[in-house]
Amino acid sequence: MITFTELLERAKSENIAVHTPTEEQAITLLKALDKRGYEWCRGYKLTEETHYEVYKEDTCYALEPNNTIYYSLFTWYQRHDYTIIEFGEIDFKESNL
């Protein structure tokens, strides 16, 4: 188990992607990241769109050090040596959701 704060700290120095097998998990993750000042790589709010429908249960979201988020296939992040953290391994208690 990793806290949400620990996740954000690790993302500052590691290539981290979060796997969200369900759209509800994607929404929860993106809301929490939005509250911490993250935004989509194109500059719009994370709460405007999840992009989950593109890859569905294979969706991963990469947390970049500049507080931007990208999304792609689980296997893409595997091939590019990202540490993939499963949504269920994150403790969101202190994220005020």
N, C-alpha and C. Protein backbone atom coordinates (compact mmCIF):
# COMPACT_ATOMS: atom_id res chain seq x y z
N MET A 1 0.85 -1.18 0.00
CA MET A 1 0.00 0.00 0.00
C MET A 1 0.90 1.24 0.00
N ILE A 2 0.49 2.24 -0.76
CA ILE A 2 1.21 3.50 -0.86
C ILE A 2 0.20 4.63 -0.63
N THR A 3 0.60 5.64 0.12
CA THR A 3 -0.31 6.77 0.30
C THR A 3 -0.30 7.63 -0.96
N PHE A 4 -1.34 8.41 -1.11
CA PHE A 4 -1.43 9.30 -2.27
C PHE A 4 -0.26 10.29 -2.28
N THR A 5 0.10 10.80 -1.11
CA THR A 5 1.22 11.74 -1.01
C THR A 5 2.53 11.06 -1.40
N GLU A 6 2.73 9.82 -0.97
CA GLU A 6 3.93 9.08 -1.35
C GLU A 6 3.98 8.87 -2.86
N LEU A 7 2.85 8.59 -3.45
CA LEU A 7 2.77 8.43 -4.90
C LEU A 7 3.25 9.69 -5.61
N LEU A 8 2.76 10.84 -5.18
CA LEU A 8 3.15 12.10 -5.81
C LEU A 8 4.63 12.39 -5.61
N GLU A 9 5.16 12.06 -4.45
CA GLU A 9 6.58 12.26 -4.20
C GLU A 9 7.43 11.38 -5.10
N ARG A 10 7.06 10.13 -5.22
CA ARG A 10 7.80 9.21 -6.09
C ARG A 10 7.75 9.67 -7.55
N ALA A 11 6.63 10.23 -7.97
CA ALA A 11 6.47 10.66 -9.36
C ALA A 11 7.40 11.82 -9.71
N LYS A 12 7.95 12.48 -8.72
CA LYS A 12 8.90 13.58 -8.98
C LYS A 12 10.24 13.06 -9.48
N SER A 13 10.57 11.82 -9.13
CA SER A 13 11.89 11.30 -9.51
C SER A 13 11.85 9.95 -10.24
N GLU A 14 10.67 9.36 -10.37
CA GLU A 14 10.53 8.07 -11.05
C GLU A 14 9.48 8.18 -12.16
N ASN A 15 9.59 7.29 -13.13
CA ASN A 15 8.54 7.18 -14.13
C ASN A 15 7.42 6.32 -13.54
N ILE A 16 6.31 6.97 -13.18
CA ILE A 16 5.20 6.31 -12.51
C ILE A 16 3.95 6.39 -13.38
N ALA A 17 3.26 5.26 -13.49
CA ALA A 17 1.95 5.22 -14.14
C ALA A 17 0.99 4.48 -13.21
N VAL A 18 -0.25 4.92 -13.17
CA VAL A 18 -1.26 4.28 -12.34
C VAL A 18 -2.25 3.57 -13.25
N HIS A 19 -2.45 2.28 -12.98
CA HIS A 19 -3.39 1.47 -13.76
C HIS A 19 -4.77 1.55 -13.11
N THR A 20 -5.77 1.93 -13.90
CA THR A 20 -7.14 2.05 -13.41
C THR A 20 -8.03 1.11 -14.23
N PRO A 21 -8.30 -0.09 -13.74
CA PRO A 21 -9.10 -1.05 -14.48
C PRO A 21 -10.57 -0.65 -14.68
N THR A 22 -11.06 0.32 -13.91
CA THR A 22 -12.45 0.76 -14.08
C THR A 22 -12.50 2.27 -14.27
N GLU A 23 -13.57 2.73 -14.91
CA GLU A 23 -13.71 4.17 -15.12
C GLU A 23 -13.92 4.89 -13.79
N GLU A 24 -14.58 4.26 -12.84
CA GLU A 24 -14.78 4.88 -11.52
C GLU A 24 -13.44 5.13 -10.85
N GLN A 25 -12.51 4.20 -11.00
CA GLN A 25 -11.17 4.39 -10.44
C GLN A 25 -10.46 5.54 -11.14
N ALA A 26 -10.60 5.61 -12.46
CA ALA A 26 -9.99 6.69 -13.21
C ALA A 26 -10.51 8.05 -12.73
N ILE A 27 -11.81 8.14 -12.53
CA ILE A 27 -12.42 9.39 -12.06
C ILE A 27 -11.88 9.77 -10.69
N THR A 28 -11.80 8.80 -9.78
CA THR A 28 -11.27 9.06 -8.44
C THR A 28 -9.84 9.56 -8.50
N LEU A 29 -8.99 8.88 -9.27
CA LEU A 29 -7.60 9.28 -9.41
C LEU A 29 -7.48 10.69 -9.98
N LEU A 30 -8.19 10.95 -11.06
CA LEU A 30 -8.07 12.25 -11.72
C LEU A 30 -8.61 13.38 -10.85
N LYS A 31 -9.65 13.15 -10.09
CA LYS A 31 -10.15 14.17 -9.15
C LYS A 31 -9.11 14.50 -8.10
N ALA A 32 -8.48 13.47 -7.56
CA ALA A 32 -7.46 13.68 -6.53
C ALA A 32 -6.26 14.43 -7.11
N LEU A 33 -5.84 14.07 -8.31
CA LEU A 33 -4.71 14.76 -8.95
C LEU A 33 -5.07 16.21 -9.30
N ASP A 34 -6.30 16.43 -9.73
CA ASP A 34 -6.76 17.77 -10.05
C ASP A 34 -6.67 18.68 -8.81
N LYS A 35 -7.04 18.14 -7.67
CA LYS A 35 -6.97 18.91 -6.42
C LYS A 35 -5.54 19.28 -6.05
N ARG A 36 -4.58 18.51 -6.55
CA ARG A 36 -3.16 18.77 -6.28
C ARG A 36 -2.49 19.58 -7.39
N GLY A 37 -3.29 20.10 -8.32
CA GLY A 37 -2.74 20.99 -9.34
C GLY A 37 -2.27 20.34 -10.62
N TYR A 38 -2.55 19.07 -10.79
CA TYR A 38 -2.18 18.40 -12.04
C TYR A 38 -3.19 18.75 -13.13
N GLU A 39 -2.74 18.68 -14.38
CA GLU A 39 -3.64 18.91 -15.51
C GLU A 39 -3.20 18.04 -16.67
N TRP A 40 -4.07 17.92 -17.67
CA TRP A 40 -3.74 17.16 -18.86
C TRP A 40 -2.57 17.82 -19.58
N CYS A 41 -1.82 17.05 -20.32
CA CYS A 41 -0.66 17.57 -21.04
C CYS A 41 -1.02 18.70 -21.99
N ARG A 42 -2.27 18.77 -22.41
CA ARG A 42 -2.71 19.85 -23.30
C ARG A 42 -3.24 21.06 -22.54
N GLY A 43 -3.14 21.02 -21.20
CA GLY A 43 -3.44 22.19 -20.40
C GLY A 43 -4.85 22.31 -19.84
N TYR A 44 -5.71 21.32 -20.04
CA TYR A 44 -7.06 21.45 -19.50
C TYR A 44 -7.22 20.58 -18.25
N LYS A 45 -8.28 20.86 -17.50
CA LYS A 45 -8.51 20.21 -16.21
C LYS A 45 -8.75 18.71 -16.35
N LEU A 46 -8.23 17.98 -15.40
CA LEU A 46 -8.39 16.52 -15.39
C LEU A 46 -9.83 16.09 -15.22
N THR A 47 -10.64 16.94 -14.63
CA THR A 47 -12.04 16.58 -14.38
C THR A 47 -12.92 16.79 -15.60
N GLU A 48 -12.37 17.34 -16.68
CA GLU A 48 -13.16 17.55 -17.89
C GLU A 48 -13.35 16.27 -18.70
N GLU A 49 -12.37 15.36 -18.63
CA GLU A 49 -12.45 14.14 -19.43
C GLU A 49 -11.47 13.11 -18.87
N THR A 50 -11.88 11.83 -18.86
CA THR A 50 -11.00 10.78 -18.34
C THR A 50 -10.17 10.11 -19.43
N HIS A 51 -10.65 10.12 -20.66
CA HIS A 51 -10.06 9.39 -21.79
C HIS A 51 -10.09 7.88 -21.56
N TYR A 52 -10.82 7.44 -20.55
CA TYR A 52 -10.88 6.02 -20.21
C TYR A 52 -11.43 5.19 -21.38
N GLU A 53 -12.35 5.76 -22.12
CA GLU A 53 -13.00 5.01 -23.20
C GLU A 53 -12.03 4.57 -24.30
N VAL A 54 -10.85 5.18 -24.36
CA VAL A 54 -9.88 4.84 -25.40
C VAL A 54 -9.29 3.45 -25.18
N TYR A 55 -8.83 3.18 -23.97
CA TYR A 55 -8.18 1.90 -23.67
C TYR A 55 -8.93 1.06 -22.63
N LYS A 56 -9.98 1.61 -22.09
CA LYS A 56 -10.83 0.93 -21.11
C LYS A 56 -10.02 0.32 -19.97
N GLU A 57 -10.19 -0.98 -19.68
CA GLU A 57 -9.53 -1.58 -18.52
C GLU A 57 -8.01 -1.64 -18.62
N ASP A 58 -7.45 -1.31 -19.78
CA ASP A 58 -6.00 -1.28 -19.96
C ASP A 58 -5.42 0.13 -19.83
N THR A 59 -6.21 1.07 -19.31
CA THR A 59 -5.78 2.47 -19.21
C THR A 59 -4.82 2.67 -18.04
N CYS A 60 -3.75 3.38 -18.32
CA CYS A 60 -2.82 3.85 -17.30
C CYS A 60 -2.63 5.35 -17.47
N TYR A 61 -2.40 6.01 -16.35
CA TYR A 61 -2.15 7.45 -16.35
C TYR A 61 -0.75 7.70 -15.79
N ALA A 62 0.06 8.39 -16.57
CA ALA A 62 1.43 8.70 -16.15
C ALA A 62 1.46 10.05 -15.47
N LEU A 63 2.14 10.12 -14.33
CA LEU A 63 2.29 11.35 -13.57
C LEU A 63 3.66 11.93 -13.88
N GLU A 64 3.69 13.06 -14.52
CA GLU A 64 4.96 13.67 -14.89
C GLU A 64 5.40 14.69 -13.84
N PRO A 65 6.71 14.90 -13.70
CA PRO A 65 7.22 15.83 -12.67
C PRO A 65 6.72 17.26 -12.82
N ASN A 66 6.30 17.66 -14.01
CA ASN A 66 5.82 19.03 -14.21
C ASN A 66 4.31 19.15 -13.97
N ASN A 67 3.75 18.18 -13.23
CA ASN A 67 2.33 18.17 -12.85
C ASN A 67 1.38 18.02 -14.04
N THR A 68 1.83 17.33 -15.05
CA THR A 68 0.94 17.00 -16.16
C THR A 68 0.69 15.50 -16.18
N ILE A 69 -0.40 15.13 -16.83
CA ILE A 69 -0.82 13.74 -16.90
C ILE A 69 -0.95 13.33 -18.37
N TYR A 70 -0.49 12.13 -18.65
CA TYR A 70 -0.67 11.49 -19.95
C TYR A 70 -1.40 10.18 -19.73
N TYR A 71 -1.98 9.63 -20.76
CA TYR A 71 -2.60 8.32 -20.65
C TYR A 71 -2.19 7.46 -21.84
N SER A 72 -2.14 6.17 -21.60
CA SER A 72 -1.83 5.23 -22.67
C SER A 72 -2.16 3.82 -22.18
N LEU A 73 -1.81 2.86 -23.01
CA LEU A 73 -2.02 1.45 -22.69
C LEU A 73 -1.07 0.97 -21.59
N PHE A 74 -1.56 0.07 -20.78
CA PHE A 74 -0.75 -0.58 -19.76
C PHE A 74 0.56 -1.09 -20.35
N THR A 75 0.46 -1.80 -21.49
CA THR A 75 1.66 -2.40 -22.09
C THR A 75 2.65 -1.35 -22.59
N TRP A 76 2.16 -0.17 -22.99
CA TRP A 76 3.08 0.89 -23.43
C TRP A 76 3.97 1.29 -22.28
N TYR A 77 3.38 1.49 -21.11
CA TYR A 77 4.17 1.90 -19.95
C TYR A 77 5.09 0.77 -19.48
N GLN A 78 4.66 -0.47 -19.62
CA GLN A 78 5.53 -1.61 -19.29
C GLN A 78 6.78 -1.59 -20.17
N ARG A 79 6.56 -1.43 -21.47
CA ARG A 79 7.68 -1.44 -22.42
C ARG A 79 8.63 -0.29 -22.23
N HIS A 80 8.16 0.80 -21.66
CA HIS A 80 9.00 1.98 -21.48
C HIS A 80 9.49 2.14 -20.04
N ASP A 81 9.52 1.03 -19.33
CA ASP A 81 10.12 0.95 -17.99
C ASP A 81 9.52 1.88 -16.94
N TYR A 82 8.22 2.07 -17.01
CA TYR A 82 7.53 2.80 -15.95
C TYR A 82 7.24 1.83 -14.80
N THR A 83 7.24 2.35 -13.61
CA THR A 83 6.72 1.60 -12.48
C THR A 83 5.22 1.76 -12.52
N ILE A 84 4.51 0.65 -12.64
CA ILE A 84 3.05 0.70 -12.72
C ILE A 84 2.47 0.37 -11.35
N ILE A 85 1.70 1.28 -10.84
CA ILE A 85 1.05 1.10 -9.55
C ILE A 85 -0.43 0.87 -9.79
N GLU A 86 -0.94 -0.20 -9.22
CA GLU A 86 -2.36 -0.50 -9.35
C GLU A 86 -3.17 0.46 -8.49
N PHE A 87 -4.28 0.93 -9.02
CA PHE A 87 -5.14 1.86 -8.29
C PHE A 87 -5.45 1.34 -6.89
N GLY A 88 -5.74 0.06 -6.76
CA GLY A 88 -6.10 -0.54 -5.48
C GLY A 88 -4.99 -0.52 -4.45
N GLU A 89 -3.76 -0.23 -4.86
CA GLU A 89 -2.62 -0.16 -3.94
C GLU A 89 -2.44 1.23 -3.34
N ILE A 90 -3.27 2.19 -3.76
CA ILE A 90 -3.12 3.58 -3.30
C ILE A 90 -4.12 3.88 -2.19
N ASP A 91 -3.62 4.43 -1.10
CA ASP A 91 -4.46 4.85 0.01
C ASP A 91 -4.77 6.34 -0.17
N PHE A 92 -6.02 6.64 -0.48
CA PHE A 92 -6.43 8.01 -0.77
C PHE A 92 -6.94 8.77 0.47
N LYS A 93 -6.83 8.19 1.65
CA LYS A 93 -7.43 8.80 2.85
C LYS A 93 -7.03 10.25 3.06
N GLU A 94 -5.76 10.58 2.89
CA GLU A 94 -5.34 11.95 3.17
C GLU A 94 -5.52 12.90 1.98
N SER A 95 -6.08 12.41 0.87
CA SER A 95 -6.25 13.26 -0.30
C SER A 95 -7.54 14.07 -0.26
N ASN A 96 -8.34 13.91 0.81
CA ASN A 96 -9.57 14.66 1.01
C ASN A 96 -10.64 14.42 -0.06
N LEU A 97 -10.78 13.20 -0.49
CA LEU A 97 -11.83 12.87 -1.47
C LEU A 97 -13.11 12.53 -0.78
